[in-house]
C-alpha atoms as a PDB file:
ATOM      1  CA  MET A   1      68.655  66.597  56.308  1.00  0.00           C
ATOM      2  CA  PRO A   2      65.018  65.566  56.862  1.00  0.00           C
ATOM      3  CA  ALA A   3      64.326  62.565  59.066  1.00  0.00           C
ATOM      4  CA  PRO A   4      63.701  59.355  57.138  1.00  0.00           C
ATOM      5  CA  ALA A   5      60.060  58.525  56.495  1.00  0.00           C
ATOM      6  CA  PRO A   6      58.645  55.652  58.513  1.00  0.00           C
ATOM      7  CA  ALA A   7      58.443  52.313  56.791  1.00  0.00           C
ATOM      8  CA  PRO A   8      55.010  51.306  55.447  1.00  0.00           C
ATOM      9  CA  GLY A   9      52.812  49.988  58.233  1.00  0.00           C
ATOM     10  CA  THR A  10      54.621  51.900  60.978  1.00  0.00           C
ATOM     11  CA  GLY A  11      54.134  55.313  62.503  1.00  0.00           C
ATOM     12  CA  PRO A  12      50.938  57.368  62.551  1.00  0.00           C
ATOM     13  CA  SER A  13      48.137  56.641  60.113  1.00  0.00           C
ATOM     14  CA  VAL A  14      44.749  58.085  59.157  1.00  0.00           C
ATOM     15  CA  ARG A  15      41.871  56.096  57.736  1.00  0.00           C
ATOM     16  CA  LEU A  16      40.543  58.411  55.032  1.00  0.00           C
ATOM     17  CA  ALA A  17      37.082  58.297  53.438  1.00  0.00           C
ATOM     18  CA  LEU A  18      36.315  60.230  50.259  1.00  0.00           C
ATOM     19  CA  PHE A  19      32.729  61.012  49.244  1.00  0.00           C
ATOM     20  CA  GLN A  20      31.634  61.429  45.638  1.00  0.00           C
ATOM     21  CA  GLY A  21      28.070  62.388  44.799  1.00  0.00           C
ATOM     22  CA  ARG A  22      25.647  64.646  42.937  1.00  0.00           C
ATOM     23  CA  ALA A  23      24.381  67.691  44.814  1.00  0.00           C
ATOM     24  CA  GLU A  24      21.131  69.570  44.217  1.00  0.00           C
ATOM     25  CA  PRO A  25      21.933  73.251  43.506  1.00  0.00           C
ATOM     26  CA  LEU A  26      20.636  75.454  46.350  1.00  0.00           C
ATOM     27  CA  ASP A  27      18.838  72.574  48.078  1.00  0.00           C
ATOM     28  CA  LEU A  28      20.879  72.887  51.243  1.00  0.00           C
ATOM     29  CA  PRO A  29      18.767  70.511  53.382  1.00  0.00           C
ATOM     30  CA  ALA A  30      19.017  67.707  50.793  1.00  0.00           C
ATOM     31  CA  ASN A  31      22.741  68.185  50.334  1.00  0.00           C
ATOM     32  CA  LEU A  32      23.374  68.319  54.076  1.00  0.00           C
ATOM     33  CA  ALA A  33      21.369  65.109  54.474  1.00  0.00           C
ATOM     34  CA  MET A  34      23.614  63.381  51.938  1.00  0.00           C
ATOM     35  CA  LEU A  35      26.738  64.566  53.764  1.00  0.00           C
ATOM     36  CA  ASP A  36      25.246  63.496  57.079  1.00  0.00           C
ATOM     37  CA  GLN A  37      24.583  60.010  55.736  1.00  0.00           C
ATOM     38  CA  ALA A  38      28.076  59.796  54.233  1.00  0.00           C
ATOM     39  CA  ALA A  39      29.643  60.826  57.542  1.00  0.00           C
ATOM     40  CA  GLY A  40      27.710  58.156  59.420  1.00  0.00           C
ATOM     41  CA  GLU A  41      28.645  55.450  56.932  1.00  0.00           C
ATOM     42  CA  ALA A  42      32.297  56.494  56.868  1.00  0.00           C
ATOM     43  CA  ARG A  43      32.551  56.442  60.663  1.00  0.00           C
ATOM     44  CA  ALA A  44      30.844  53.054  60.824  1.00  0.00           C
ATOM     45  CA  ALA A  45      33.481  51.771  58.381  1.00  0.00           C
ATOM     46  CA  GLY A  46      36.281  52.966  60.679  1.00  0.00           C
ATOM     47  CA  ALA A  47      37.238  56.226  58.957  1.00  0.00           C
ATOM     48  CA  ASP A  48      38.904  58.990  60.948  1.00  0.00           C
ATOM     49  CA  LEU A  49      38.355  61.702  58.347  1.00  0.00           C
ATOM     50  CA  LEU A  50      35.855  62.355  55.541  1.00  0.00           C
ATOM     51  CA  LEU A  51      36.741  64.478  52.487  1.00  0.00           C
ATOM     52  CA  THR A  52      33.843  65.940  50.466  1.00  0.00           C
ATOM     53  CA  PRO A  53      33.617  67.830  47.128  1.00  0.00           C
ATOM     54  CA  GLU A  54      33.885  71.561  46.414  1.00  0.00           C
ATOM     55  CA  LEU A  55      30.758  73.527  47.377  1.00  0.00           C
ATOM     56  CA  PHE A  56      28.792  70.293  47.825  1.00  0.00           C
ATOM     57  CA  ALA A  57      26.430  71.628  50.494  1.00  0.00           C
ATOM     58  CA  THR A  58      25.196  74.335  48.131  1.00  0.00           C
ATOM     59  CA  GLY A  59      25.735  72.459  44.886  1.00  0.00           C
ATOM     60  CA  TYR A  60      28.385  73.688  42.455  1.00  0.00           C
ATOM     61  CA  ALA A  61      26.633  76.750  40.987  1.00  0.00           C
ATOM     62  CA  PRO A  62      28.771  79.871  41.593  1.00  0.00           C
ATOM     63  CA  GLU A  63      26.356  82.492  40.219  1.00  0.00           C
ATOM     64  CA  LEU A  64      23.360  80.971  42.007  1.00  0.00           C
ATOM     65  CA  ILE A  65      25.336  80.928  45.243  1.00  0.00           C
ATOM     66  CA  ARG A  66      26.375  84.542  44.811  1.00  0.00           C
ATOM     67  CA  ASP A  67      22.812  85.657  44.162  1.00  0.00           C
ATOM     68  CA  SER A  68      20.932  83.419  46.593  1.00  0.00           C
ATOM     69  CA  VAL A  69      23.080  82.328  49.565  1.00  0.00           C
ATOM     70  CA  THR A  70      23.052  85.108  52.135  1.00  0.00           C
ATOM     71  CA  ALA A  71      25.746  85.807  54.694  1.00  0.00           C
ATOM     72  CA  ALA A  72      23.472  84.412  57.390  1.00  0.00           C
ATOM     73  CA  ALA A  73      22.853  81.249  55.382  1.00  0.00           C
ATOM     74  CA  ALA A  74      26.592  80.769  54.835  1.00  0.00           C
ATOM     75  CA  ALA A  75      27.224  81.091  58.579  1.00  0.00           C
ATOM     76  CA  ASP A  76      24.461  78.593  59.326  1.00  0.00           C
ATOM     77  CA  LEU A  77      25.988  76.222  56.778  1.00  0.00           C
ATOM     78  CA  ASP A  78      29.331  76.228  58.565  1.00  0.00           C
ATOM     79  CA  ARG A  79      27.577  75.429  61.832  1.00  0.00           C
ATOM     80  CA  ASP A  80      25.552  72.641  60.223  1.00  0.00           C
ATOM     81  CA  LEU A  81      28.636  71.050  58.688  1.00  0.00           C
ATOM     82  CA  ALA A  82      30.567  71.206  61.961  1.00  0.00           C
ATOM     83  CA  GLY A  83      27.545  69.630  63.603  1.00  0.00           C
ATOM     84  CA  ILE A  84      27.680  66.693  61.180  1.00  0.00           C
ATOM     85  CA  ALA A  85      31.291  66.026  62.234  1.00  0.00           C
ATOM     86  CA  ALA A  86      30.418  66.179  65.926  1.00  0.00           C
ATOM     87  CA  ARG A  87      27.269  64.068  65.578  1.00  0.00           C
ATOM     88  CA  HIS A  88      29.146  61.213  63.890  1.00  0.00           C
ATOM     89  CA  ASP A  89      32.434  61.562  65.785  1.00  0.00           C
ATOM     90  CA  ILE A  90      34.443  61.988  62.582  1.00  0.00           C
ATOM     91  CA  ALA A  91      36.688  64.747  61.282  1.00  0.00           C
ATOM     92  CA  LEU A  92      35.412  66.423  58.132  1.00  0.00           C
ATOM     93  CA  VAL A  93      36.824  68.457  55.263  1.00  0.00           C
ATOM     94  CA  TYR A  94      34.119  70.432  53.500  1.00  0.00           C
ATOM     95  CA  SER A  95      33.940  73.308  51.020  1.00  0.00           C
ATOM     96  CA  ALA A  96      31.422  76.148  51.269  1.00  0.00           C
ATOM     97  CA  PRO A  97      30.959  79.822  50.455  1.00  0.00           C
ATOM     98  CA  GLY A  98      32.956  82.000  52.808  1.00  0.00           C
ATOM     99  CA  GLN A  99      31.181  84.084  55.388  1.00  0.00           C
ATOM    100  CA  GLY A 100      30.520  87.782  54.897  1.00  0.00           C
ATOM    101  CA  PRO A 101      28.856  89.756  52.095  1.00  0.00           C
ATOM    102  CA  ALA A 102      28.622  88.015  48.732  1.00  0.00           C
ATOM    103  CA  GLU A 103      30.888  90.503  46.978  1.00  0.00           C
ATOM    104  CA  ALA A 104      33.746  89.845  49.418  1.00  0.00           C
ATOM    105  CA  ARG A 105      33.680  86.108  50.001  1.00  0.00           C
ATOM    106  CA  GLY A 106      35.737  83.318  48.511  1.00  0.00           C
ATOM    107  CA  ILE A 107      35.325  79.583  47.993  1.00  0.00           C
ATOM    108  CA  THR A 108      36.534  78.080  51.239  1.00  0.00           C
ATOM    109  CA  SER A 109      37.457  74.691  52.617  1.00  0.00           C
ATOM    110  CA  ALA A 110      37.642  73.797  56.287  1.00  0.00           C
ATOM    111  CA  LEU A 111      38.994  70.922  58.327  1.00  0.00           C
ATOM    112  CA  VAL A 112      36.972  70.333  61.471  1.00  0.00           C
ATOM    113  CA  ASP A 113      37.811  67.704  64.055  1.00  0.00           C
ATOM    114  CA  ARG A 114      35.460  65.057  65.434  1.00  0.00           C
ATOM    115  CA  THR A 115      34.066  67.594  67.952  1.00  0.00           C
ATOM    116  CA  GLY A 116      33.281  70.130  65.209  1.00  0.00           C
ATOM    117  CA  ARG A 117      36.164  72.413  66.115  1.00  0.00           C
ATOM    118  CA  VAL A 118      37.804  74.148  63.136  1.00  0.00           C
ATOM    119  CA  LEU A 119      41.445  73.120  62.779  1.00  0.00           C
ATOM    120  CA  ALA A 120      42.165  74.904  59.485  1.00  0.00           C
ATOM    121  CA  ARG A 121      40.417  77.062  56.901  1.00  0.00           C
ATOM    122  CA  TYR A 122      41.573  77.934  53.386  1.00  0.00           C
ATOM    123  CA  VAL A 123      40.281  80.251  50.642  1.00  0.00           C
ATOM    124  CA  LYS A 124      40.747  79.090  47.044  1.00  0.00           C
ATOM    125  CA  SER A 125      43.523  81.117  45.463  1.00  0.00           C
ATOM    126  CA  HIS A 126      43.092  80.124  41.791  1.00  0.00           C
ATOM    127  CA  LEU A 127      39.534  80.686  40.599  1.00  0.00           C
ATOM    128  CA  PHE A 128      38.554  78.799  37.458  1.00  0.00           C
ATOM    129  CA  GLY A 129      36.643  80.392  34.611  1.00  0.00           C
ATOM    130  CA  PRO A 130      34.536  83.523  34.276  1.00  0.00           C
ATOM    131  CA  GLU A 131      31.643  82.313  36.449  1.00  0.00           C
ATOM    132  CA  GLU A 132      33.828  81.684  39.493  1.00  0.00           C
ATOM    133  CA  ARG A 133      35.736  84.922  38.952  1.00  0.00           C
ATOM    134  CA  ALA A 134      32.481  86.890  38.749  1.00  0.00           C
ATOM    135  CA  SER A 135      31.080  85.257  41.881  1.00  0.00           C
ATOM    136  CA  PHE A 136      33.956  84.951  44.358  1.00  0.00           C
ATOM    137  CA  ARG A 137      37.139  86.649  45.477  1.00  0.00           C
ATOM    138  CA  PRO A 138      40.431  84.739  45.241  1.00  0.00           C
ATOM    139  CA  GLY A 139      42.326  84.017  48.430  1.00  0.00           C
ATOM    140  CA  THR A 140      45.890  85.167  49.015  1.00  0.00           C
ATOM    141  CA  ALA A 141      46.976  83.114  52.041  1.00  0.00           C
ATOM    142  CA  PRO A 142      49.053  79.971  51.498  1.00  0.00           C
ATOM    143  CA  PRO A 143      47.609  76.527  52.129  1.00  0.00           C
ATOM    144  CA  PRO A 144      47.447  75.762  55.858  1.00  0.00           C
ATOM    145  CA  VAL A 145      49.399  72.785  57.128  1.00  0.00           C
ATOM    146  CA  VAL A 146      48.109  71.334  60.403  1.00  0.00           C
ATOM    147  CA  ASP A 147      48.689  68.259  62.523  1.00  0.00           C
ATOM    148  CA  PHE A 148      45.976  65.608  62.513  1.00  0.00           C
ATOM    149  CA  LEU A 149      46.524  62.274  64.263  1.00  0.00           C
ATOM    150  CA  GLY A 150      50.247  62.599  63.716  1.00  0.00           C
ATOM    151  CA  LEU A 151      50.087  63.469  60.006  1.00  0.00           C
ATOM    152  CA  LYS A 152      50.453  66.942  58.501  1.00  0.00           C
ATOM    153  CA  ILE A 153      47.420  67.882  56.424  1.00  0.00           C
ATOM    154  CA  ALA A 154      47.188  70.662  53.845  1.00  0.00           C
ATOM    155  CA  LEU A 155      44.030  72.041  52.239  1.00  0.00           C
ATOM    156  CA  LEU A 156      43.672  73.094  48.594  1.00  0.00           C
ATOM    157  CA  ILE A 157      40.612  73.504  46.363  1.00  0.00           C
ATOM    158  CA  CYS A 158      40.131  72.243  42.797  1.00  0.00           C
ATOM    159  CA  TYR A 159      42.111  74.358  40.297  1.00  0.00           C
ATOM    160  CA  ASP A 160      44.781  75.076  42.929  1.00  0.00           C
ATOM    161  CA  VAL A 161      46.194  71.571  42.555  1.00  0.00           C
ATOM    162  CA  GLU A 162      46.881  72.213  38.870  1.00  0.00           C
ATOM    163  CA  PHE A 163      49.644  74.667  39.810  1.00  0.00           C
ATOM    164  CA  PRO A 164      52.818  72.853  40.911  1.00  0.00           C
ATOM    165  CA  GLU A 165      53.894  75.747  43.111  1.00  0.00           C
ATOM    166  CA  VAL A 166      50.913  75.337  45.416  1.00  0.00           C
ATOM    167  CA  VAL A 167      51.408  71.666  46.241  1.00  0.00           C
ATOM    168  CA  ARG A 168      55.170  72.170  46.466  1.00  0.00           C
ATOM    169  CA  ASP A 169      54.664  74.958  49.020  1.00  0.00           C
ATOM    170  CA  ALA A 170      52.511  72.670  51.166  1.00  0.00           C
ATOM    171  CA  ALA A 171      55.056  69.864  50.933  1.00  0.00           C
ATOM    172  CA  LEU A 172      57.930  72.153  51.832  1.00  0.00           C
ATOM    173  CA  HIS A 173      56.001  73.136  54.948  1.00  0.00           C
ATOM    174  CA  GLY A 174      55.690  69.546  56.019  1.00  0.00           C
ATOM    175  CA  ALA A 175      52.437  68.316  54.500  1.00  0.00           C
ATOM    176  CA  THR A 176      52.158  64.553  54.022  1.00  0.00           C
ATOM    177  CA  LEU A 177      48.444  64.533  53.050  1.00  0.00           C
ATOM    178  CA  VAL A 178      46.913  67.088  50.703  1.00  0.00           C
ATOM    179  CA  LEU A 179      43.095  67.221  50.635  1.00  0.00           C
ATOM    180  CA  VAL A 180      41.387  68.731  47.604  1.00  0.00           C
ATOM    181  CA  PRO A 181      37.635  69.271  47.297  1.00  0.00           C
ATOM    182  CA  THR A 182      36.945  69.798  43.598  1.00  0.00           C
ATOM    183  CA  ALA A 183      34.272  70.335  40.921  1.00  0.00           C
ATOM    184  CA  LEU A 184      35.837  68.892  37.751  1.00  0.00           C
ATOM    185  CA  THR A 185      33.730  68.710  34.605  1.00  0.00           C
ATOM    186  CA  ARG A 186      33.672  65.971  31.959  1.00  0.00           C
ATOM    187  CA  GLY A 187      36.472  66.311  29.423  1.00  0.00           C
ATOM    188  CA  TYR A 188      39.084  67.156  32.032  1.00  0.00           C
ATOM    189  CA  GLU A 189      39.524  63.706  33.581  1.00  0.00           C
ATOM    190  CA  ASN A 190      43.258  63.795  32.915  1.00  0.00           C
ATOM    191  CA  VAL A 191      43.532  66.220  35.832  1.00  0.00           C
ATOM    192  CA  ALA A 192      42.587  63.337  38.104  1.00  0.00           C
ATOM    193  CA  ARG A 193      44.308  60.569  36.120  1.00  0.00           C
ATOM    194  CA  VAL A 194      47.590  62.295  35.238  1.00  0.00           C
ATOM    195  CA  LEU A 195      48.128  65.609  36.977  1.00  0.00           C
ATOM    196  CA  VAL A 196      47.083  64.676  40.514  1.00  0.00           C
ATOM    197  CA  PRO A 197      49.342  61.573  40.525  1.00  0.00           C
ATOM    198  CA  ALA A 198      52.224  63.733  39.284  1.00  0.00           C
ATOM    199  CA  ARG A 199      51.665  66.191  42.141  1.00  0.00           C
ATOM    200  CA  ALA A 200      51.691  63.343  44.628  1.00  0.00           C
ATOM    201  CA  LEU A 201      54.849  61.741  43.240  1.00  0.00           C
ATOM    202  CA  GLU A 202      56.927  64.884  42.747  1.00  0.00           C
ATOM    203  CA  ASN A 203      56.215  66.024  46.313  1.00  0.00           C
ATOM    204  CA  ALA A 204      56.141  62.627  48.083  1.00  0.00           C
ATOM    205  CA  VAL A 205      52.662  63.315  49.473  1.00  0.00           C
ATOM    206  CA  THR A 206      49.315  61.579  49.393  1.00  0.00           C
ATOM    207  CA  VAL A 207      46.734  63.615  47.457  1.00  0.00           C
ATOM    208  CA  ALA A 208      42.997  62.997  47.822  1.00  0.00           C
ATOM    209  CA  TYR A 209      40.756  64.645  45.217  1.00  0.00           C
ATOM    210  CA  ALA A 210      36.986  64.574  45.881  1.00  0.00           C
ATOM    211  CA  ASN A 211      34.648  65.460  43.016  1.00  0.00           C
ATOM    212  CA  HIS A 212      30.959  65.673  42.203  1.00  0.00           C
ATOM    213  CA  VAL A 213      29.438  63.292  39.639  1.00  0.00           C
ATOM    214  CA  GLY A 214      26.511  64.015  37.346  1.00  0.00           C
ATOM    215  CA  VAL A 215      24.796  67.173  36.119  1.00  0.00           C
ATOM    216  CA  GLU A 216      24.448  70.175  38.423  1.00  0.00           C
ATOM    217  CA  ALA A 217      23.220  73.577  37.184  1.00  0.00           C
ATOM    218  CA  GLY A 218      23.868  72.490  33.603  1.00  0.00           C
ATOM    219  CA  LEU A 219      27.421  71.268  34.231  1.00  0.00           C
ATOM    220  CA  ASP A 220      28.306  67.610  33.699  1.00  0.00           C
ATOM    221  CA  LEU A 221      30.695  66.857  36.545  1.00  0.00           C
ATOM    222  CA  ALA A 222      33.166  64.089  35.885  1.00  0.00           C
ATOM    223  CA  GLY A 223      33.438  62.000  39.019  1.00  0.00           C
ATOM    224  CA  ALA A 224      36.929  60.428  38.807  1.00  0.00           C
ATOM    225  CA  SER A 225      37.638  61.173  42.466  1.00  0.00           C
ATOM    226  CA  VAL A 226      40.955  59.607  43.459  1.00  0.00           C
ATOM    227  CA  ILE A 227      43.276  58.989  46.372  1.00  0.00           C
ATOM    228  CA  VAL A 228      46.879  58.871  45.159  1.00  0.00           C
ATOM    229  CA  GLY A 229      49.809  57.644  47.237  1.00  0.00           C
ATOM    230  CA  PRO A 230      53.200  59.361  47.494  1.00  0.00           C
ATOM    231  CA  ASP A 231      54.569  56.964  44.870  1.00  0.00           C
ATOM    232  CA  GLY A 232      52.083  58.356  42.338  1.00  0.00           C
ATOM    233  CA  ASN A 233      49.940  55.217  42.253  1.00  0.00           C
ATOM    234  CA  ILE A 234      46.148  55.575  42.455  1.00  0.00           C
ATOM    235  CA  VAL A 235      45.009  53.622  45.503  1.00  0.00           C
ATOM    236  CA  ALA A 236      41.285  54.475  45.276  1.00  0.00           C
ATOM    237  CA  ASP A 237      39.303  55.524  42.207  1.00  0.00           C
ATOM    238  CA  ALA A 238      35.595  56.321  42.428  1.00  0.00           C
ATOM    239  CA  GLY A 239      35.023  56.316  38.677  1.00  0.00           C
ATOM    240  CA  ARG A 240      31.461  57.490  37.959  1.00  0.00           C
ATOM    241  CA  ALA A 241      29.970  55.916  41.093  1.00  0.00           C
ATOM    242  CA  THR A 242      28.244  57.681  43.945  1.00  0.00           C
ATOM    243  CA  GLY A 243      29.449  56.801  47.402  1.00  0.00           C
ATOM    244  CA  LEU A 244      32.554  56.391  49.539  1.00  0.00           C
ATOM    245  CA  SER A 245      36.119  55.342  48.768  1.00  0.00           C
ATOM    246  CA  TYR A 246      38.718  54.536  51.413  1.00  0.00           C
ATOM    247  CA  ALA A 247      42.457  54.443  51.967  1.00  0.00           C
ATOM    248  CA  THR A 248      44.787  54.270  54.937  1.00  0.00           C
ATOM    249  CA  VAL A 249      47.344  57.092  54.775  1.00  0.00           C
ATOM    250  CA  THR A 250      50.741  57.043  56.485  1.00  0.00           C
ATOM    251  CA  ALA A 251      53.718  59.366  56.378  1.00  0.00           C
ATOM    252  CA  ALA A 252      55.797  56.860  54.384  1.00  0.00           C
ATOM    253  CA  GLY A 253      57.242  58.320  51.153  1.00  0.00           C
ATOM    254  CA  PRO A 254      58.927  56.915  48.049  1.00  0.00           C
ATOM    255  CA  ASP A 255      62.620  56.049  47.774  1.00  0.00           C
ATOM    256  CA  VAL A 256      63.440  59.102  45.662  1.00  0.00           C
ATOM    257  CA  ASP A 257      63.255  62.253  47.787  1.00  0.00           C
ATOM    258  CA  TYR A 258      62.694  65.076  45.312  1.00  0.00           C
ATOM    259  CA  LEU A 259      62.330  67.629  48.090  1.00  0.00           C
ATOM    260  CA  ALA A 260      65.751  66.826  49.571  1.00  0.00           C
ATOM    261  CA  ASP A 261      67.401  66.838  46.125  1.00  0.00           C
ATOM    262  CA  ARG A 262      66.079  70.221  45.034  1.00  0.00           C
ATOM    263  CA  ARG A 263      68.527  73.045  44.187  1.00  0.00           C
ATOM    264  CA  PRO A 264      66.442  76.180  44.904  1.00  0.00           C
ATOM    265  CA  GLU A 265      69.432  78.509  44.790  1.00  0.00           C
ATOM    266  CA  LEU A 266      70.105  77.320  41.227  1.00  0.00           C
ATOM    267  CA  TYR A 267      66.506  77.833  40.157  1.00  0.00           C
ATOM    268  CA  ARG A 268      66.539  81.357  41.598  1.00  0.00           C
ATOM    269  CA  SER A 269      69.681  82.184  39.662  1.00  0.00           C
ATOM    270  CA  TRP A 270      68.048  81.028  36.463  1.00  0.00           C
ATOM    271  CA  THR A 271      65.042  83.275  37.109  1.00  0.00           C
ATOM    272  CA  ASP A 272      66.874  86.325  38.431  1.00  0.00           C
ATOM    273  CA  ALA A 273      69.688  86.552  35.870  1.00  0.00           C
ATOM    274  CA  GLU A 274      70.001  86.523  32.126  1.00  0.00           C
ATOM    275  CA  HIS A 275      71.218  83.195  30.781  1.00  0.00           C
ATOM    276  CA  ASP A 276      72.060  81.962  27.357  1.00  0.00           C
ATOM    277  CA  ARG A 277      69.006  79.949  26.312  1.00  0.00           C
ATOM    278  CA  GLY A 278      70.411  79.165  22.901  1.00  0.00           C
ATOM    279  CA  GLY A 279      71.757  75.720  23.715  1.00  0.00           C
ATOM    280  CA  ASN A 280      75.193  76.554  25.158  1.00  0.00           C
ATOM    281  CA  SER A 281      75.587  74.809  28.516  1.00  0.00           C
ATOM    282  CA  ALA A 282      78.464  74.727  30.965  1.00  0.00           C
END
């Protein structure tokens, strides 16, 4: 039986900052300057960790990235982003093109600590739409789960969070905080308003979902970045604003422990064997 979660206000905690903004496609210096400013402001406000949107340093423009961001530029970008964390003494989660030749790289996210050291790296496993699929390779490794200031942090990217299996896997491996850089377009706000809270509640985890806002490379990105507690309640909502949102995250979970009450052996039997689906139930 898992150990009981600490009561609210006790145990380890992380002060989380979430950045929402509009990037300039392929203007890496301008985008890095925005992230640098956000990191400085977040640290000055007492944050331990800053979460930023999917592919923010390059702007969300998969085909332009594929055609214009070289392997050397991608490697430099990782170094620059780690440098931002070290310069401002704050841990950082960022998303960027993976290193290596364009035809072999994925959309990545990385967690670096306040010294710029990489603690975890993840490659997006569920690519969204034809442009992403033509520009990147999907990852196959599961979400990493790593310790950070006493909490267990998992990394996902955008469309990954829309698959219940992915968040459930992270939760089953101990995650209490799931960090999701994203690039969600207008018209899909229910992902942030409905689906992300459901993922948090059903897995008893905090989910932070950091989006762009405004038009980039012809796409109208929705904003709607949220931090959702393990009870499914939205504790920070950026709306359509540019800037930082904050929440203090602990390991405390809701009263109903869905993970402990699961019956995986039953679910496997349903999948592996033929069952009468016509309404007869024993």
